[in-house]
Protein backbone atom coordinates (compact mmCIF):
# COMPACT_ATOMS: atom_id res chain seq x y z
CA MET A 1 -0.66 -8.24 -16.07
CA THR A 2 2.45 -9.55 -14.43
CA ALA A 3 4.17 -8.20 -11.40
CA SER A 4 6.93 -6.82 -10.69
CA THR A 5 8.58 -5.84 -6.92
CA GLU A 6 8.00 -2.62 -7.55
CA GLN A 7 4.12 -2.96 -8.54
CA ALA A 8 4.18 -5.07 -4.86
CA ASP A 9 5.56 -1.95 -3.34
CA ALA A 10 3.49 0.57 -5.18
CA ILE A 11 0.15 -1.08 -3.81
CA LEU A 12 0.33 0.26 -0.22
CA PRO A 13 0.48 3.59 0.67
CA THR A 14 3.49 6.29 1.03
CA ASP A 15 3.15 5.54 5.01
CA ALA A 16 2.08 2.02 5.09
CA ASP A 17 4.02 1.69 8.20
CA HIS A 18 1.53 3.40 10.32
CA ALA A 19 -1.24 2.31 8.12
CA ILE A 20 -4.07 0.03 9.69
CA LEU A 21 -5.37 -1.64 6.29
CA VAL A 22 -7.63 -4.60 5.63
CA GLY A 23 -8.31 -6.85 2.93
CA ARG A 24 -9.83 -9.60 1.22
CA VAL A 25 -7.47 -12.85 0.38
CA TRP A 26 -9.48 -15.73 -1.86
CA ASP A 27 -8.10 -18.83 -0.22
CA PRO A 28 -8.54 -22.03 -2.70
CA GLU A 29 -7.20 -24.23 0.40
CA THR A 30 -10.77 -23.23 2.35
CA GLY A 31 -12.79 -22.86 -0.95
CA GLY A 32 -13.68 -19.13 -0.03
CA PRO A 33 -12.97 -15.56 1.21
CA ARG A 34 -10.77 -14.81 4.22
CA PRO A 35 -10.90 -11.32 5.92
CA VAL A 36 -7.02 -9.98 6.47
CA ARG A 37 -4.72 -7.51 7.85
CA VAL A 38 -1.88 -6.00 5.62
CA HIS A 39 1.40 -4.66 7.01
CA GLY A 40 4.34 -4.41 4.93
CA ASP A 41 4.52 -7.83 3.05
CA ASP A 42 2.64 -9.42 5.64
CA VAL A 43 -0.88 -11.03 5.64
CA HIS A 44 -2.30 -11.94 8.54
CA ASP A 45 -5.89 -14.14 8.02
CA LEU A 46 -8.48 -12.51 10.58
CA PHE A 47 -10.83 -14.86 9.65
CA ASP A 48 -11.25 -16.48 13.08
CA VAL A 49 -11.72 -12.54 14.76
CA ALA A 50 -14.20 -12.09 11.92
CA PRO A 51 -14.97 -13.63 9.28
CA THR A 52 -16.20 -11.01 7.23
CA VAL A 53 -15.31 -7.24 6.47
CA SER A 54 -18.61 -6.17 7.42
CA GLY A 55 -18.93 -7.86 10.84
CA LEU A 56 -15.22 -6.37 11.52
CA LEU A 57 -16.20 -3.05 11.15
CA GLU A 58 -19.24 -2.72 13.49
CA ARG A 59 -17.30 -3.58 16.21
CA ASP A 60 -16.07 -1.00 17.99
CA ASP A 61 -12.55 -2.14 19.04
CA ALA A 62 -12.15 -2.71 14.80
CA VAL A 63 -8.94 -1.12 15.17
CA ASP A 64 -7.47 -2.67 18.24
CA VAL A 65 -8.63 -6.09 16.64
CA VAL A 66 -6.59 -5.55 13.84
CA GLN A 67 -3.90 -4.61 14.97
CA ALA A 68 -3.14 -7.31 17.73
CA ALA A 69 -3.19 -9.90 14.55
CA SER A 70 0.34 -11.14 14.88
CA GLY A 71 2.47 -14.42 14.76
CA GLU A 72 3.34 -16.14 11.29
CA PRO A 73 1.48 -14.39 8.44
CA ARG A 74 -0.02 -16.62 6.41
CA TRP A 75 0.32 -14.97 2.98
CA ARG A 76 3.06 -12.77 1.59
CA LEU A 77 1.59 -9.43 -0.31
CA THR A 78 3.79 -10.09 -3.36
CA ASP A 79 2.51 -13.31 -4.12
CA LEU A 80 -1.11 -11.86 -3.58
CA VAL A 81 -0.18 -9.20 -6.19
CA ASP A 82 1.74 -11.60 -8.64
CA ALA A 83 -1.47 -13.85 -8.75
CA SER A 84 -3.93 -10.75 -9.01
CA LEU A 85 -2.14 -9.13 -11.49
CA ALA A 86 -1.72 -12.92 -12.86
CA GLN A 87 -5.52 -13.30 -12.69
CA ALA A 88 -4.70 -16.65 -11.11
CA GLN A 89 -7.75 -18.01 -9.67
CA ASP A 90 -5.69 -21.02 -8.92
CA ARG A 91 -3.68 -19.08 -6.06
CA PRO A 92 -4.36 -17.06 -3.22
CA HIS A 93 -5.74 -13.86 -4.72
CA LEU A 94 -6.47 -10.38 -3.97
CA LEU A 95 -10.05 -9.68 -3.91
CA THR A 96 -12.57 -6.70 -2.94
CA PRO A 97 -12.36 -5.28 0.72
CA LEU A 98 -16.01 -5.89 0.86
CA ASP A 99 -17.86 -8.18 1.26
CA LEU A 100 -21.51 -8.02 2.77
CA GLN A 101 -21.68 -3.87 2.38
CA VAL A 102 -23.72 -2.27 0.20
CA VAL A 103 -22.37 -0.37 -2.90
CA LYS A 104 -24.18 3.12 -3.25
CA ALA A 105 -22.45 5.88 -5.34
CA CYS A 106 -22.86 10.01 -5.32
CA GLY A 107 -23.07 11.47 -8.80
CA VAL A 108 -22.37 15.15 -9.83
CA THR A 109 -20.33 16.29 -6.63
CA PHE A 110 -17.92 18.48 -8.62
CA VAL A 111 -18.76 21.66 -10.92
CA ASP A 112 -16.60 19.86 -13.37
CA SER A 113 -18.21 16.82 -13.73
CA MET A 114 -21.62 18.20 -13.13
CA ILE A 115 -21.09 20.74 -16.95
CA GLU A 116 -19.91 17.13 -18.54
CA ARG A 117 -23.18 15.08 -17.45
CA VAL A 118 -24.48 18.07 -18.71
CA ILE A 119 -22.80 17.85 -22.00
CA GLU A 120 -23.67 14.06 -22.39
CA GLU A 121 -27.01 15.04 -21.55
CA ARG A 122 -27.52 17.90 -25.14
CA SER A 123 -25.21 15.66 -27.52
CA ALA A 124 -27.72 13.21 -26.45
CA GLY A 125 -24.97 10.43 -25.99
CA ASP A 126 -23.16 11.16 -29.28
CA PRO A 127 -19.24 12.25 -28.98
CA ALA A 128 -18.89 14.12 -31.83
CA ARG A 129 -21.81 16.57 -30.83
CA ALA A 130 -20.26 16.73 -27.49
CA ARG A 131 -17.40 18.60 -28.48
CA GLN A 132 -19.79 21.71 -29.79
CA VAL A 133 -21.66 21.93 -27.24
CA ARG A 134 -18.82 21.91 -24.50
CA GLU A 135 -17.23 24.72 -26.71
CA THR A 136 -20.66 26.58 -26.29
CA LEU A 137 -21.44 25.49 -22.29
CA ALA A 138 -18.52 25.14 -20.52
CA ALA A 139 -17.12 28.57 -20.15
CA SER A 140 -20.15 30.12 -19.13
CA LEU A 141 -21.60 27.38 -16.55
CA HIS A 142 -17.91 27.68 -15.08
CA ALA A 143 -17.86 31.44 -14.69
CA GLU A 144 -21.41 31.36 -13.28
CA ILE A 145 -21.60 28.73 -10.68
CA ASP A 146 -17.72 27.46 -9.60
CA THR A 147 -18.19 29.27 -6.30
CA ILE A 148 -21.45 28.00 -5.51
CA GLU A 149 -22.41 26.24 -2.39
CA PRO A 150 -25.55 23.45 -3.52
CA GLY A 151 -29.36 24.45 -1.64
CA SER A 152 -27.65 27.91 -0.78
CA GLU A 153 -30.38 30.87 -1.75
CA ALA A 154 -27.48 31.73 -4.26
CA ALA A 155 -27.61 28.62 -6.17
CA ALA A 156 -31.45 28.82 -5.73
CA ARG A 157 -30.41 32.74 -8.11
CA VAL A 158 -28.56 30.26 -10.48
CA LYS A 159 -30.72 27.75 -11.32
CA GLU A 160 -33.70 30.94 -12.34
CA VAL A 161 -30.92 32.59 -14.05
CA PHE A 162 -30.40 29.03 -15.94
CA LEU A 163 -34.33 28.66 -15.95
CA ALA A 164 -34.33 32.18 -17.95
CA GLU A 165 -32.44 31.25 -20.64
CA GLY A 166 -33.35 27.43 -21.23
CA LEU A 167 -30.55 25.85 -19.87
CA TRP A 168 -31.57 24.06 -17.00
CA SER A 169 -31.11 20.32 -16.33
CA GLN A 170 -31.11 17.49 -14.02
CA TYR A 171 -28.10 17.40 -13.66
CA LEU A 172 -27.79 21.35 -12.40
CA GLU A 173 -30.55 20.38 -10.17
CA VAL A 174 -28.54 17.49 -8.28
CA GLY A 175 -25.43 19.46 -8.92
CA LEU A 176 -26.90 23.12 -7.13
CA GLY A 177 -29.57 21.96 -5.40
CA PRO A 178 -30.06 20.74 -1.92
CA ASP A 179 -30.07 17.11 -2.12
CA PRO A 180 -27.33 14.96 -3.74
CA GLU A 181 -27.54 12.57 -6.35
CA VAL A 182 -27.30 9.04 -4.65
CA PHE A 183 -27.42 5.38 -6.45
CA THR A 184 -27.16 1.68 -6.05
CA LYS A 185 -23.79 1.21 -7.77
CA ALA A 186 -23.83 -2.46 -7.72
CA PRO A 187 -25.13 -5.34 -5.87
CA VAL A 188 -23.61 -6.97 -2.66
CA LEU A 189 -20.66 -9.07 -3.36
CA SER A 190 -20.31 -7.79 -7.05
CA SER A 191 -17.24 -5.25 -6.92
CA VAL A 192 -13.43 -6.86 -8.33
CA GLY A 193 -10.81 -5.89 -6.45
CA TYR A 194 -6.95 -5.21 -7.55
CA GLY A 195 -5.63 -6.66 -10.58
CA ALA A 196 -9.42 -7.84 -11.91
CA ARG A 197 -10.79 -7.20 -15.01
CA ILE A 198 -13.08 -4.39 -15.40
CA GLY A 199 -16.05 -5.08 -18.01
CA ILE A 200 -17.55 -2.54 -20.81
CA PRO A 201 -20.26 -4.14 -22.51
CA ALA A 202 -20.86 -4.67 -26.08
CA PHE A 203 -23.60 -1.54 -26.26
CA SER A 204 -21.33 1.36 -25.15
CA SER A 205 -19.28 2.52 -27.90
CA TRP A 206 -18.31 5.82 -25.45
CA ASN A 207 -16.91 5.05 -22.20
CA ASN A 208 -14.16 6.17 -19.17
CA PRO A 209 -13.05 5.51 -16.00
CA GLU A 210 -13.64 7.17 -12.96
CA PRO A 211 -10.98 7.56 -10.24
CA GLU A 212 -12.98 8.23 -7.00
CA LEU A 213 -12.54 8.02 -3.04
CA VAL A 214 -14.37 5.30 -1.44
CA LEU A 215 -15.64 5.98 2.07
CA VAL A 216 -16.57 2.93 4.18
CA VAL A 217 -19.36 2.88 6.43
CA ASP A 218 -20.86 0.88 9.32
CA SER A 219 -24.47 0.05 9.87
CA ARG A 220 -24.87 3.29 12.28
CA GLY A 221 -23.51 5.48 9.63
CA ARG A 222 -19.93 5.83 10.90
CA ILE A 223 -17.70 6.77 8.55
CA ARG A 224 -14.83 3.91 9.38
CA GLY A 225 -12.21 3.90 6.62
CA ALA A 226 -11.69 5.00 3.17
CA THR A 227 -10.40 3.33 -0.04
CA LEU A 228 -10.09 3.56 -3.93
CA GLY A 229 -12.65 3.44 -6.66
CA ASN A 230 -13.43 3.40 -10.06
CA ASP A 231 -16.58 3.98 -11.14
CA VAL A 232 -17.00 2.67 -14.24
CA ASN A 233 -19.04 4.72 -16.61
CA LEU A 234 -21.20 4.59 -19.66
CA ARG A 235 -20.75 7.84 -21.09
CA ASP A 236 -23.50 7.05 -24.05
CA VAL A 237 -25.81 5.02 -22.28
CA GLU A 238 -26.15 8.07 -19.47
CA GLY A 239 -26.07 10.33 -22.49
CA ARG A 240 -29.13 9.49 -24.34
CA SER A 241 -31.77 9.21 -20.79
CA ALA A 242 -30.36 9.69 -16.98
CA LEU A 243 -33.26 7.17 -16.91
CA LEU A 244 -30.95 4.76 -18.57
CA LEU A 245 -28.34 5.11 -15.04
CA GLY A 246 -28.93 1.43 -13.88
CA MET A 247 -27.81 0.05 -17.38
CA ALA A 248 -25.06 2.81 -17.84
CA LYS A 249 -23.82 2.19 -13.80
CA ASP A 250 -24.36 -1.68 -12.89
CA ASN A 251 -22.92 -4.06 -14.79
CA ASN A 252 -20.57 -6.72 -14.11
CA ALA A 253 -17.22 -5.83 -13.38
CA SER A 254 -18.20 -2.37 -13.16
CA ALA A 255 -17.13 -1.09 -9.48
CA ALA A 256 -13.54 -1.96 -8.92
CA ILE A 257 -12.50 -0.87 -5.55
CA GLY A 258 -9.54 -1.54 -3.31
CA PRO A 259 -6.69 -2.26 -2.76
CA PHE A 260 -7.19 -2.37 0.95
CA ILE A 261 -9.53 -0.06 3.89
CA ARG A 262 -7.40 2.15 5.31
CA LEU A 263 -9.67 2.26 8.79
CA PHE A 264 -9.51 5.96 10.53
CA ASP A 265 -8.02 5.62 13.58
CA ASP A 266 -5.97 8.73 16.13
CA ALA A 267 -3.51 9.65 13.35
CA PHE A 268 -5.72 8.96 9.86
CA THR A 269 -9.05 10.55 10.17
CA PRO A 270 -11.36 11.62 7.82
CA ASP A 271 -9.90 14.82 7.57
CA THR A 272 -6.76 13.30 6.27
CA VAL A 273 -9.02 12.33 3.04
CA ARG A 274 -10.62 15.48 2.46
CA THR A 275 -7.62 16.72 0.77
CA GLU A 276 -6.67 13.82 -1.25
CA ARG A 277 -5.08 14.26 -4.34
CA ILE A 278 -6.52 10.54 -6.53
CA THR A 279 -3.79 10.07 -9.54
CA LEU A 280 -5.58 8.02 -13.12
CA ARG A 281 -3.62 6.67 -15.67
CA VAL A 282 -4.80 5.13 -18.64
CA GLU A 283 -2.45 2.63 -20.58
CA GLY A 284 -3.86 1.24 -24.39
CA ALA A 285 -2.26 -2.11 -24.59
CA GLU A 286 -3.26 -1.60 -28.40
CA ASP A 287 -2.41 1.68 -29.45
CA GLY A 288 0.35 2.36 -26.78
CA TYR A 289 -1.98 5.79 -25.60
CA VAL A 290 -1.71 7.42 -22.48
CA LEU A 291 -4.04 9.39 -20.31
CA GLU A 292 -3.00 10.93 -17.15
CA ASP A 293 -5.17 13.07 -14.95
CA GLU A 294 -6.22 13.70 -11.08
CA ASN A 295 -8.79 13.77 -9.32
CA ASN A 296 -8.51 16.73 -6.41
CA VAL A 297 -11.04 15.59 -3.49
CA ALA A 298 -10.80 19.04 -1.77
CA ARG A 299 -13.00 20.50 -4.65
CA LEU A 300 -15.94 18.42 -3.91
CA SER A 301 -18.95 20.15 -3.27
CA ARG A 302 -20.40 18.78 -0.56
CA SER A 303 -18.95 17.35 2.59
CA PHE A 304 -18.11 13.31 3.77
CA GLU A 305 -21.04 13.39 6.46
CA ARG A 306 -23.35 15.47 3.84
CA LEU A 307 -23.05 12.68 1.10
CA VAL A 308 -23.91 10.05 4.62
CA GLU A 309 -26.40 11.65 5.83
CA ALA A 310 -28.22 11.26 1.99
CA THR A 311 -27.87 7.83 1.82
CA HIS A 312 -28.21 6.50 5.32
CA GLY A 313 -30.54 7.40 8.35
CA ASP A 314 -34.10 7.12 8.94
CA HIS A 315 -35.01 7.03 5.91
CA HIS A 316 -32.80 3.89 4.84
CA GLN A 317 -30.52 1.57 6.71
CA TYR A 318 -28.00 -0.76 5.74
CA PRO A 319 -27.75 -3.50 8.64
CA ASP A 320 -24.24 -4.38 6.87
CA GLY A 321 -22.98 -1.27 6.14
CA PHE A 322 -22.54 0.25 2.45
CA ALA A 323 -19.52 1.44 0.23
CA LEU A 324 -19.88 4.67 -0.89
CA TYR A 325 -18.05 6.63 -3.80
CA THR A 326 -18.02 9.79 -3.08
CA GLY A 327 -17.70 10.91 -6.60
CA THR A 328 -14.91 12.25 -9.06
CA LEU A 329 -13.70 15.61 -10.56
CA PHE A 330 -12.37 13.75 -13.84
CA ALA A 331 -14.14 13.99 -16.99
CA PRO A 332 -11.99 12.69 -20.27
CA THR A 333 -12.38 15.55 -22.96
CA GLN A 334 -8.78 14.05 -24.43
CA ASP A 335 -9.15 12.82 -28.18
CA ARG A 336 -8.01 9.14 -28.39
CA GLY A 337 -7.11 8.96 -32.00
CA VAL A 338 -10.52 11.00 -34.40
CA PRO A 339 -10.59 14.78 -33.20
CA GLY A 340 -13.58 15.39 -31.50
CA LEU A 341 -14.73 12.02 -30.39
CA GLY A 342 -12.74 12.70 -26.91
CA PHE A 343 -11.65 9.80 -25.19
CA THR A 344 -12.99 5.61 -24.72
CA HIS A 345 -11.96 2.59 -23.60
CA LYS A 346 -10.10 0.09 -25.67
CA THR A 347 -9.24 -3.46 -24.70
CA GLY A 348 -6.68 -4.75 -22.80
CA ASP A 349 -6.38 -0.48 -20.86
CA ARG A 350 -4.42 -0.86 -18.01
CA VAL A 351 -6.09 1.86 -15.53
CA THR A 352 -3.95 2.69 -12.21
CA ILE A 353 -5.74 4.64 -9.85
CA ALA A 354 -3.55 5.65 -6.75
CA SER A 355 -2.74 8.21 -3.79
CA THR A 356 -0.80 8.90 -0.97
CA HIS A 357 -2.60 7.26 1.94
CA LEU A 358 -4.46 4.53 -0.32
CA GLY A 359 -2.35 2.63 -2.13
CA THR A 360 -2.55 1.98 -6.04
CA LEU A 361 -5.70 0.28 -7.48
CA THR A 362 -4.94 -1.45 -10.85
CA ASN A 363 -7.07 -2.95 -12.96
CA GLU A 364 -7.46 -4.00 -16.89
CA VAL A 365 -10.44 -3.48 -18.96
CA ALA A 366 -12.27 -6.16 -20.94
CA PRO A 367 -15.74 -6.65 -23.04
CA THR A 368 -18.41 -8.09 -20.34
CA ASP A 369 -19.18 -11.06 -22.14
CA THR A 370 -15.53 -12.61 -22.11
CA LEU A 371 -15.28 -12.38 -18.23
CA ARG A 372 -15.66 -14.94 -15.69
CA ARG A 373 -19.66 -15.13 -15.03
CA TRP A 374 -20.27 -13.65 -11.74
CA GLU A 375 -21.31 -16.80 -9.52
CA PHE A 376 -20.57 -16.33 -6.11
CA GLY A 377 -22.84 -14.40 -4.32
CA ILE A 378 -25.34 -13.96 -0.63
CA GLY A 379 -25.73 -17.66 -0.54
CA SER A 380 -22.16 -18.93 -1.50
CA LEU A 381 -20.87 -16.54 0.95
CA VAL A 382 -23.73 -18.22 3.85
CA ALA A 383 -22.57 -21.24 2.81
CA TYR A 384 -18.92 -21.33 3.32
CA LEU A 385 -19.35 -19.47 6.36
CA HIS A 386 -21.42 -22.14 7.61
CA ARG A 387 -18.44 -24.96 6.31
CA SER A 388 -15.90 -22.67 7.91
CA LEU A 389 -17.27 -21.73 11.22
CA THR A 390 -19.17 -25.22 11.66
CA GLY A 391 -17.15 -27.87 9.58
CA GLY A 392 -19.95 -29.20 7.93
């Protein structure tokens, strides 16, 4: 992929002049990642103020610290976008805006996606069977549960109906029951950012992107900002068994996050993104195929606060904070080629996820075994921080 002026502009929120944006840049000069502030085309190095994004978000004055970054910018966003899309590892380029945060995810947080999970389960991961199951199951499920609040008495009554009809599923449990599904999506430092390739393992033949709002939370459970994410999903693997969720969700370059964390402030709050519409566009390099769809965050069945409480609390702490994928409404049923087989990725697909307040995340699909190996982990970061902070 190569950059254009339009792409460099599109990476930013439409109200970028008022946005407090934090990202990370790979700096070949020092041999490691640098937290940055992005303001228009100016990109300021924040390393001397906070050497990690995680540490920055632990500060009560994080917004003030970022806004105070001034002087001559170290990089230009246009150059970083160009290098990122070209996957030029020898030039400064954008990384995922996360570093030490654990990457968590919530599943089955929309009725539509819940129905698709049931269909996957019923079809045992076979896309040909899924079409038939979808036709017989989806309409009745929509009619029964579209307005049901999870964990309510009404939801419990619906559960009894499904049990009586032999239609109960573990996906309906987390979709209707009191507790949401929360799982670990990716190890620390394994997520990828803007312009990077996202990986599809050779053992999957039915897979798709999942455009999502990602909340960024500090160690005290405070939601400090938001960004965009692609929760790459292997539908055939999870469809075989929900116990294969780790295999379906956690692979190299299976978690794309970015382009930047937009910090919450007086003007931009969690309420701003409760109704965010996140668009998805997939453009096929091999076949010219185009898929367009949308994830409407307003249709989440549980609040941001409820999802965070299910992740963090007395039962589980995150000393360096965490990022939380909030789930997706999107479920690709549009055929790509053979009728009845639905959508699946092909090598070279360009995936663009965008929203008004959070900008644009762009990635390219590639076989996992062709990607650069993930080698910069926690040990590498600790060594880099030690060299940079001590001169050793």
